[in-house]
Amino acid sequence: MINKYLTEFGYSQDKISKIITNYELIRYKENTLLIKIKITNDYLLTFLTIEQVIKLTTKFPQIYGYNLTTLKDKLDYLENLGYSKDNIIKIILSLPNILAYSNKTIEETINLFLNLGIKKQDILKITVKFPAVYSHRDLNKKINYLINLGFSLEEIPKMIVKFPQILSFHEDNILNTFNFLLSMQIPKVVVLKMLTISPQIFGYNNLKIKETIDIFKYYSYTYSDILLILIKFPSILSKSKNSLISQLEFYKQENLEYLIIKNPRNLIQSISLTRKRLEYLKYNNIPFNYQSLYLSNNEFNKRFIETKTK
């Protein structure tokens, strides 16, 4: 009976097997379990799609052993914390186990962040972006580890807000990235600043980091130039090899390398747009400051194209 109902609902045989063999559900008689499954699915369908119901219950089959009132109370609790209904859906689909966490456990994580000086609205954003943070019981240990590396109590909250996944990284992985950057002859003060601005670097492959730095060296950027670029725009380390080479070639051909050193975020803009604007301004003999190449579309049109047509 259960097999027939779940098959008609849309579950594959693998997912059905995962549900009916769950250690918390095997104690129920088939008729009882079928009733609980139907009641729970009917309730979940009031705010989830069929696909989301299947995803949630396959990842967390023990939800079928819950009293419906208990389930509703947990969802109401999350809403009272300040989460929107859409964000609650994101959280429970990513971390369905949160439905089994006590309110005390959830509040301990929130209070830890509050004590770090992270604002409540930022805590909500962090936990929607990375719900698994609620599953980590060693957050204090991880924060103390970052302090011991040299990060300040003012910097760590900023890092967590930008990249909460750092709290899931093993200390060895964090140290590996940190020491690798030092091995690239980057001063510790610069490494700390880079990782504070872009903590996602902790998730980068070390070989990719080295490759990016070596590309700048190949294009004759000095050691001090590279340090300035990394301080101002550490996310440059995530840029693909081909994209970075194409851009550096373009700036070299136009003798505009200084624009990258002055503001490496200029590399965010596509070459095609930069080239198109440069050609337009030169062709029409329009006086301009090179930084004007990076204006917003509206501002560029207003300043150069609309003015010219008047």
Protein backbone atom coordinates (compact mmCIF):
# COMPACT_ATOMS: atom_id res chain seq x y z
CA MET A 1 0.00 0.00 0.00
CA ILE A 2 2.77 2.41 0.91
CA ASN A 3 4.68 1.49 -2.22
CA LYS A 4 1.64 2.13 -4.41
CA TYR A 5 0.87 5.50 -2.78
CA LEU A 6 4.46 6.77 -2.96
CA THR A 7 4.89 5.57 -6.54
CA GLU A 8 1.75 7.41 -7.62
CA PHE A 9 2.96 10.50 -5.71
CA GLY A 10 6.16 10.51 -7.76
CA TYR A 11 8.83 8.75 -5.67
CA SER A 12 11.34 6.47 -7.38
CA GLN A 13 11.85 2.95 -6.01
CA ASP A 14 15.21 3.96 -4.53
CA LYS A 15 13.60 6.81 -2.62
CA ILE A 16 10.71 4.62 -1.48
CA SER A 17 13.19 2.08 -0.15
CA LYS A 18 15.04 4.81 1.74
CA ILE A 19 11.80 5.87 3.42
CA ILE A 20 10.32 2.51 4.39
CA THR A 21 13.65 1.20 5.74
CA ASN A 22 14.38 4.29 7.84
CA TYR A 23 15.37 3.25 11.34
CA GLU A 24 12.74 5.50 12.97
CA LEU A 25 9.89 4.32 10.74
CA ILE A 26 10.31 0.54 10.71
CA ARG A 27 8.60 0.33 14.11
CA TYR A 28 5.28 1.43 12.60
CA LYS A 29 2.77 -1.00 11.15
CA GLU A 30 2.19 -0.47 7.44
CA ASN A 31 -1.34 0.93 7.80
CA THR A 32 -0.25 3.35 10.52
CA LEU A 33 2.78 4.53 8.57
CA LEU A 34 0.72 5.01 5.41
CA ILE A 35 -1.71 7.25 7.29
CA LYS A 36 1.15 9.29 8.76
CA ILE A 37 2.79 9.64 5.32
CA LYS A 38 -0.46 10.82 3.74
CA ILE A 39 -1.21 13.32 6.51
CA THR A 40 2.34 14.73 6.44
CA ASN A 41 2.49 14.98 2.64
CA ASP A 42 -0.92 16.68 2.51
CA TYR A 43 0.30 19.25 5.01
CA LEU A 44 3.64 19.79 3.24
CA LEU A 45 1.81 20.35 -0.04
CA THR A 46 0.19 23.44 1.48
CA PHE A 47 3.51 25.27 1.06
CA LEU A 48 5.83 23.00 -0.96
CA THR A 49 5.71 21.67 -4.50
CA ILE A 50 5.47 17.91 -5.11
CA GLU A 51 9.16 17.88 -6.08
CA GLN A 52 10.10 19.69 -2.87
CA VAL A 53 8.05 17.30 -0.75
CA ILE A 54 9.84 14.35 -2.34
CA LYS A 55 13.24 16.00 -1.81
CA LEU A 56 12.56 16.85 1.83
CA THR A 57 11.07 13.52 2.86
CA THR A 58 13.73 11.50 1.04
CA LYS A 59 16.51 13.42 2.79
CA PHE A 60 14.68 13.30 6.13
CA PRO A 61 12.27 10.31 6.18
CA GLN A 62 11.84 10.48 9.96
CA ILE A 63 9.64 13.52 9.41
CA TYR A 64 6.86 10.94 8.91
CA GLY A 65 7.25 9.91 12.53
CA TYR A 66 6.54 13.45 13.74
CA ASN A 67 3.32 14.60 15.29
CA LEU A 68 1.84 17.15 12.89
CA THR A 69 1.43 19.67 15.71
CA THR A 70 5.14 19.36 16.56
CA LEU A 71 6.07 19.95 12.91
CA LYS A 72 3.82 23.01 12.66
CA ASP A 73 5.22 24.38 15.93
CA LYS A 74 8.79 24.10 14.60
CA LEU A 75 7.93 25.92 11.38
CA ASP A 76 6.08 28.62 13.37
CA TYR A 77 9.14 28.96 15.60
CA LEU A 78 11.40 29.56 12.59
CA GLU A 79 8.96 32.14 11.26
CA ASN A 80 8.91 33.90 14.65
CA LEU A 81 12.71 34.13 14.51
CA GLY A 82 12.25 36.38 11.48
CA TYR A 83 12.55 34.02 8.53
CA SER A 84 10.18 34.53 5.62
CA LYS A 85 8.19 31.53 4.39
CA ASP A 86 10.38 31.32 1.27
CA ASN A 87 13.53 31.31 3.39
CA ILE A 88 12.13 28.65 5.70
CA ILE A 89 11.60 26.47 2.64
CA LYS A 90 15.22 27.04 1.55
CA ILE A 91 16.47 26.14 5.04
CA ILE A 92 14.48 22.93 5.53
CA LEU A 93 15.26 21.68 2.01
CA SER A 94 18.97 22.28 2.59
CA LEU A 95 19.05 21.18 6.24
CA PRO A 96 15.94 19.13 6.97
CA ASN A 97 17.50 17.94 10.24
CA ILE A 98 16.80 21.41 11.64
CA LEU A 99 13.26 20.14 12.16
CA ALA A 100 14.69 17.81 14.81
CA TYR A 101 16.82 20.45 16.54
CA SER A 102 15.64 21.83 19.85
CA ASN A 103 14.84 25.53 19.99
CA LYS A 104 17.67 25.82 22.51
CA THR A 105 20.18 24.43 20.01
CA ILE A 106 19.08 26.91 17.34
CA GLU A 107 19.16 29.81 19.80
CA GLU A 108 22.68 28.91 20.95
CA THR A 109 23.96 29.43 17.40
CA ILE A 110 22.06 32.70 17.02
CA ASN A 111 23.31 33.98 20.39
CA LEU A 112 26.89 33.10 19.50
CA PHE A 113 26.63 35.27 16.39
CA LEU A 114 24.92 38.07 18.33
CA ASN A 115 27.74 38.01 20.89
CA LEU A 116 30.22 38.41 18.04
CA GLY A 117 28.42 41.62 17.11
CA ILE A 118 26.64 40.27 14.04
CA LYS A 119 23.26 41.94 13.52
CA LYS A 120 20.09 39.87 13.64
CA GLN A 121 19.22 40.57 9.99
CA ASP A 122 22.72 39.42 8.97
CA ILE A 123 22.34 36.24 11.04
CA LEU A 124 19.15 35.46 9.14
CA LYS A 125 20.99 36.01 5.83
CA ILE A 126 23.92 33.83 6.95
CA THR A 127 21.70 30.93 7.98
CA VAL A 128 19.61 31.08 4.81
CA LYS A 129 22.76 31.17 2.68
CA PHE A 130 24.37 28.36 4.67
CA PRO A 131 21.81 26.57 6.89
CA ALA A 132 24.36 23.88 7.77
CA VAL A 133 25.91 26.36 10.20
CA TYR A 134 23.18 25.26 12.62
CA SER A 135 24.57 21.73 12.50
CA HIS A 136 28.07 22.67 13.68
CA ARG A 137 28.63 22.36 17.41
CA ASP A 138 32.25 23.57 17.38
CA LEU A 139 31.73 27.16 16.23
CA ASN A 140 33.54 28.67 19.22
CA LYS A 141 36.53 26.45 18.53
CA LYS A 142 36.60 27.54 14.89
CA ILE A 143 36.37 31.21 15.81
CA ASN A 144 39.20 30.87 18.34
CA TYR A 145 41.29 29.18 15.66
CA LEU A 146 40.82 32.17 13.34
CA ILE A 147 41.80 34.50 16.18
CA ASN A 148 44.99 32.51 16.74
CA LEU A 149 45.85 32.90 13.05
CA GLY A 150 45.78 36.66 13.52
CA PHE A 151 42.25 37.73 12.58
CA SER A 152 40.69 40.27 14.93
CA LEU A 153 37.28 40.06 16.61
CA GLU A 154 36.26 42.94 14.34
CA GLU A 155 37.30 41.09 11.18
CA ILE A 156 35.87 37.64 11.92
CA PRO A 157 32.18 38.69 11.94
CA LYS A 158 32.69 40.36 8.54
CA MET A 159 34.24 37.16 7.21
CA ILE A 160 31.35 35.05 8.51
CA VAL A 161 28.73 37.33 6.95
CA LYS A 162 30.51 37.22 3.58
CA PHE A 163 31.35 33.52 3.62
CA PRO A 164 29.68 31.53 6.42
CA GLN A 165 30.93 28.30 4.83
CA ILE A 166 34.30 29.03 6.44
CA LEU A 167 32.82 27.72 9.68
CA SER A 168 32.51 24.28 8.09
CA PHE A 169 36.14 24.10 6.96
CA HIS A 170 38.51 21.89 8.90
CA GLU A 171 41.32 23.73 10.67
CA ASP A 172 43.90 21.89 8.57
CA ASN A 173 42.33 23.21 5.35
CA ILE A 174 42.25 26.75 6.69
CA LEU A 175 45.89 26.54 7.75
CA ASN A 176 46.85 24.99 4.42
CA THR A 177 45.50 27.97 2.46
CA PHE A 178 46.94 30.47 4.93
CA ASN A 179 50.43 28.96 4.80
CA PHE A 180 50.29 28.58 1.03
CA LEU A 181 49.65 32.30 0.59
CA LEU A 182 52.58 33.01 2.90
CA SER A 183 54.74 30.65 0.83
CA MET A 184 53.95 32.81 -2.22
CA GLN A 185 55.95 35.57 -0.50
CA ILE A 186 52.80 37.49 0.43
CA PRO A 187 53.31 39.26 3.78
CA LYS A 188 51.12 38.06 6.65
CA VAL A 189 49.45 41.47 7.00
CA VAL A 190 48.43 41.29 3.33
CA VAL A 191 47.22 37.68 3.67
CA LEU A 192 45.03 38.68 6.63
CA LYS A 193 43.60 41.64 4.73
CA MET A 194 42.95 39.55 1.58
CA LEU A 195 41.16 36.82 3.51
CA THR A 196 39.12 39.35 5.49
CA ILE A 197 37.91 41.00 2.28
CA SER A 198 37.40 37.71 0.41
CA PRO A 199 37.23 34.79 2.87
CA GLN A 200 35.98 32.57 0.03
CA ILE A 201 39.66 32.28 -0.92
CA PHE A 202 39.78 29.57 1.74
CA GLY A 203 37.75 27.49 -0.69
CA TYR A 204 40.07 28.04 -3.64
CA ASN A 205 42.50 25.47 -4.98
CA ASN A 206 46.09 26.39 -4.10
CA LEU A 207 47.30 25.60 -7.61
CA LYS A 208 44.67 28.00 -8.99
CA ILE A 209 45.94 30.74 -6.69
CA LYS A 210 49.53 30.16 -7.83
CA GLU A 211 48.44 30.09 -11.48
CA THR A 212 46.79 33.52 -11.18
CA ILE A 213 49.82 35.09 -9.52
CA ASP A 214 52.14 33.54 -12.11
CA ILE A 215 50.04 35.01 -14.95
CA PHE A 216 50.51 38.51 -13.53
CA LYS A 217 54.25 37.84 -13.26
CA TYR A 218 54.33 36.69 -16.88
CA TYR A 219 52.80 40.01 -17.94
CA SER A 220 55.59 41.83 -16.08
CA TYR A 221 53.59 43.07 -13.11
CA THR A 222 56.00 43.74 -10.27
CA TYR A 223 55.82 42.13 -6.85
CA SER A 224 54.46 45.36 -5.35
CA ASP A 225 51.92 45.67 -8.19
CA ILE A 226 50.64 42.15 -7.54
CA LEU A 227 50.34 42.83 -3.80
CA LEU A 228 48.33 45.99 -4.50
CA ILE A 229 46.03 44.08 -6.85
CA LEU A 230 45.49 41.30 -4.30
CA ILE A 231 44.78 43.77 -1.51
CA LYS A 232 42.31 45.80 -3.57
CA PHE A 233 40.62 42.88 -5.33
CA PRO A 234 41.47 39.47 -3.81
CA SER A 235 38.58 37.85 -5.69
CA ILE A 236 40.76 38.14 -8.79
CA LEU A 237 42.12 34.76 -7.68
CA SER A 238 38.86 33.14 -8.76
CA LYS A 239 39.05 34.44 -12.33
CA SER A 240 39.51 31.76 -14.99
CA LYS A 241 42.92 31.48 -16.63
CA ASN A 242 41.69 32.22 -20.17
CA SER A 243 39.59 35.17 -19.11
CA LEU A 244 42.42 36.75 -17.14
CA ILE A 245 44.95 36.26 -19.94
CA SER A 246 42.56 37.79 -22.51
CA GLN A 247 42.05 40.84 -20.34
CA LEU A 248 45.71 41.34 -19.54
CA GLU A 249 46.54 41.03 -23.25
CA PHE A 250 43.99 43.73 -24.07
CA TYR A 251 45.29 46.14 -21.43
CA LYS A 252 48.86 45.50 -22.55
CA GLN A 253 48.03 46.24 -26.19
CA GLU A 254 46.34 49.50 -25.20
CA ASN A 255 49.10 50.45 -22.74
CA LEU A 256 46.52 50.62 -19.99
CA GLU A 257 48.11 48.28 -17.43
CA TYR A 258 48.13 51.10 -14.89
CA LEU A 259 44.33 50.99 -14.81
CA ILE A 260 44.47 47.47 -13.40
CA ILE A 261 46.94 48.48 -10.72
CA LYS A 262 44.96 51.59 -9.90
CA ASN A 263 41.66 49.72 -9.67
CA PRO A 264 41.83 45.97 -10.38
CA ARG A 265 38.03 45.79 -10.09
CA ASN A 266 38.06 47.19 -13.62
CA LEU A 267 38.66 43.57 -14.62
CA ILE A 268 35.07 42.79 -13.66
CA GLN A 269 33.92 44.55 -16.82
CA SER A 270 34.05 42.50 -20.01
CA ILE A 271 36.74 43.24 -22.57
CA SER A 272 34.14 43.61 -25.31
CA LEU A 273 32.40 46.46 -23.49
CA THR A 274 35.67 48.19 -22.56
CA ARG A 275 36.95 47.88 -26.12
CA LYS A 276 33.69 49.11 -27.61
CA ARG A 277 33.66 52.20 -25.41
CA LEU A 278 37.32 52.93 -26.03
CA GLU A 279 36.89 52.69 -29.80
CA TYR A 280 33.78 54.88 -29.69
CA LEU A 281 35.49 57.64 -27.70
CA LYS A 282 38.64 57.61 -29.83
CA TYR A 283 36.80 57.44 -33.14
CA ASN A 284 34.66 60.46 -32.22
CA ASN A 285 37.61 62.38 -30.76
CA ILE A 286 35.80 62.78 -27.46
CA PRO A 287 38.04 63.91 -24.58
CA PHE A 288 37.71 61.50 -21.66
CA ASN A 289 39.28 60.21 -18.51
CA TYR A 290 40.14 56.52 -18.82
CA GLN A 291 38.18 55.76 -15.67
CA SER A 292 35.12 56.82 -17.63
CA LEU A 293 35.37 53.50 -19.46
CA TYR A 294 33.89 51.84 -16.37
CA LEU A 295 30.85 54.03 -15.80
CA SER A 296 27.42 52.44 -15.63
CA ASN A 297 25.65 52.17 -18.99
CA ASN A 298 23.23 54.97 -18.12
CA GLU A 299 25.99 57.28 -16.93
CA PHE A 300 28.20 56.56 -19.94
CA ASN A 301 25.34 57.19 -22.37
CA LYS A 302 24.35 60.38 -20.59
CA ARG A 303 27.88 61.75 -20.44
CA PHE A 304 29.16 60.85 -23.90
CA ILE A 305 26.50 59.60 -26.30
CA GLU A 306 23.50 61.80 -25.46
CA THR A 307 25.75 64.86 -25.14
CA LYS A 308 27.24 64.21 -28.56
CA THR A 309 23.85 63.94 -30.25
CA LYS A 310 22.56 67.22 -28.88
